[in-house]
Amino acid sequence: MNQVLFLSINDRQSIKVFEKAIKTASNQKSDVNKTKHDYDVMVVYEGGFPILKPRS
């Protein structure tokens, strides 16, 4: 895990956007020149654990 914090998101709307992206992410085929990523994503939940809601 990178030790340097680049961005912290705290507003509800941005959190919802990232939450949707994380929950719906999937691998896709691509012809793009592949490079190795150089980033980490850390999710910190209030109280330490995610609140699971039933899917509708």
C-alpha atoms as a PDB file:
ATOM      1  CA  MET A   1       0.000   0.000   0.000  1.00  0.00           C
ATOM      2  CA  ASN A   2       1.353   3.423  -0.933  1.00  0.00           C
ATOM      3  CA  GLN A   3       2.032   5.520   2.161  1.00  0.00           C
ATOM      4  CA  VAL A   4       1.336   8.871   0.451  1.00  0.00           C
ATOM      5  CA  LEU A   5      -2.302   9.955   0.534  1.00  0.00           C
ATOM      6  CA  PHE A   6      -3.212  11.587  -2.775  1.00  0.00           C
ATOM      7  CA  LEU A   7      -6.959  12.075  -2.434  1.00  0.00           C
ATOM      8  CA  SER A   8      -9.591  11.723   0.262  1.00  0.00           C
ATOM      9  CA  ILE A   9     -13.278  11.774  -0.621  1.00  0.00           C
ATOM     10  CA  ASN A  10     -15.728  12.738   2.098  1.00  0.00           C
ATOM     11  CA  ASP A  11     -18.807  14.216   0.420  1.00  0.00           C
ATOM     12  CA  ARG A  12     -21.838  11.908   0.120  1.00  0.00           C
ATOM     13  CA  GLN A  13     -22.354  12.287  -3.652  1.00  0.00           C
ATOM     14  CA  SER A  14     -18.737  11.393  -4.526  1.00  0.00           C
ATOM     15  CA  ILE A  15     -18.806   8.502  -2.070  1.00  0.00           C
ATOM     16  CA  LYS A  16     -21.918   7.117  -3.795  1.00  0.00           C
ATOM     17  CA  VAL A  17     -20.232   7.378  -7.216  1.00  0.00           C
ATOM     18  CA  PHE A  18     -17.140   5.480  -6.021  1.00  0.00           C
ATOM     19  CA  GLU A  19     -19.239   2.940  -4.134  1.00  0.00           C
ATOM     20  CA  LYS A  20     -21.192   2.165  -7.321  1.00  0.00           C
ATOM     21  CA  ALA A  21     -17.974   1.898  -9.344  1.00  0.00           C
ATOM     22  CA  ILE A  22     -16.464  -0.533  -6.839  1.00  0.00           C
ATOM     23  CA  LYS A  23     -19.603  -2.658  -6.526  1.00  0.00           C
ATOM     24  CA  THR A  24     -20.205  -2.913 -10.295  1.00  0.00           C
ATOM     25  CA  ALA A  25     -16.605  -3.200 -11.559  1.00  0.00           C
ATOM     26  CA  SER A  26     -15.727  -6.059 -13.910  1.00  0.00           C
ATOM     27  CA  ASN A  27     -12.778  -7.113 -16.048  1.00  0.00           C
ATOM     28  CA  GLN A  28     -13.049  -6.252 -19.715  1.00  0.00           C
ATOM     29  CA  LYS A  29     -10.970  -7.204 -22.742  1.00  0.00           C
ATOM     30  CA  SER A  30      -8.959  -4.377 -24.210  1.00  0.00           C
ATOM     31  CA  ASP A  31      -6.423  -3.805 -26.993  1.00  0.00           C
ATOM     32  CA  VAL A  32      -4.920  -0.837 -25.143  1.00  0.00           C
ATOM     33  CA  ASN A  33      -1.196  -1.031 -24.489  1.00  0.00           C
ATOM     34  CA  LYS A  34      -1.186  -2.534 -21.000  1.00  0.00           C
ATOM     35  CA  THR A  35       0.803  -0.860 -18.273  1.00  0.00           C
ATOM     36  CA  LYS A  36       1.017  -1.792 -14.633  1.00  0.00           C
ATOM     37  CA  HIS A  37      -0.989   0.371 -12.303  1.00  0.00           C
ATOM     38  CA  ASP A  38       0.743   2.473  -9.696  1.00  0.00           C
ATOM     39  CA  TYR A  39      -2.072   3.211  -7.297  1.00  0.00           C
ATOM     40  CA  ASP A  40      -3.962   1.700  -4.402  1.00  0.00           C
ATOM     41  CA  VAL A  41      -7.518   2.279  -3.265  1.00  0.00           C
ATOM     42  CA  MET A  42      -8.279   2.155   0.426  1.00  0.00           C
ATOM     43  CA  VAL A  43     -11.867   2.299   1.678  1.00  0.00           C
ATOM     44  CA  VAL A  44     -12.397   3.275   5.305  1.00  0.00           C
ATOM     45  CA  TYR A  45     -15.851   2.737   6.763  1.00  0.00           C
ATOM     46  CA  GLU A  46     -17.320   4.667   9.658  1.00  0.00           C
ATOM     47  CA  GLY A  47     -17.249   2.300  12.616  1.00  0.00           C
ATOM     48  CA  GLY A  48     -14.714   0.089  10.828  1.00  0.00           C
ATOM     49  CA  PHE A  49     -17.110  -2.115   8.829  1.00  0.00           C
ATOM     50  CA  PRO A  50     -19.322  -1.627   5.765  1.00  0.00           C
ATOM     51  CA  ILE A  51     -23.061  -1.455   6.265  1.00  0.00           C
ATOM     52  CA  LEU A  52     -24.577  -4.116   4.032  1.00  0.00           C
ATOM     53  CA  LYS A  53     -27.925  -3.305   2.495  1.00  0.00           C
ATOM     54  CA  PRO A  54     -30.081  -5.896   0.728  1.00  0.00           C
ATOM     55  CA  ARG A  55     -30.075  -5.563  -3.050  1.00  0.00           C
ATOM     56  CA  SER A  56     -33.334  -4.338  -4.510  1.00  0.00           C
END
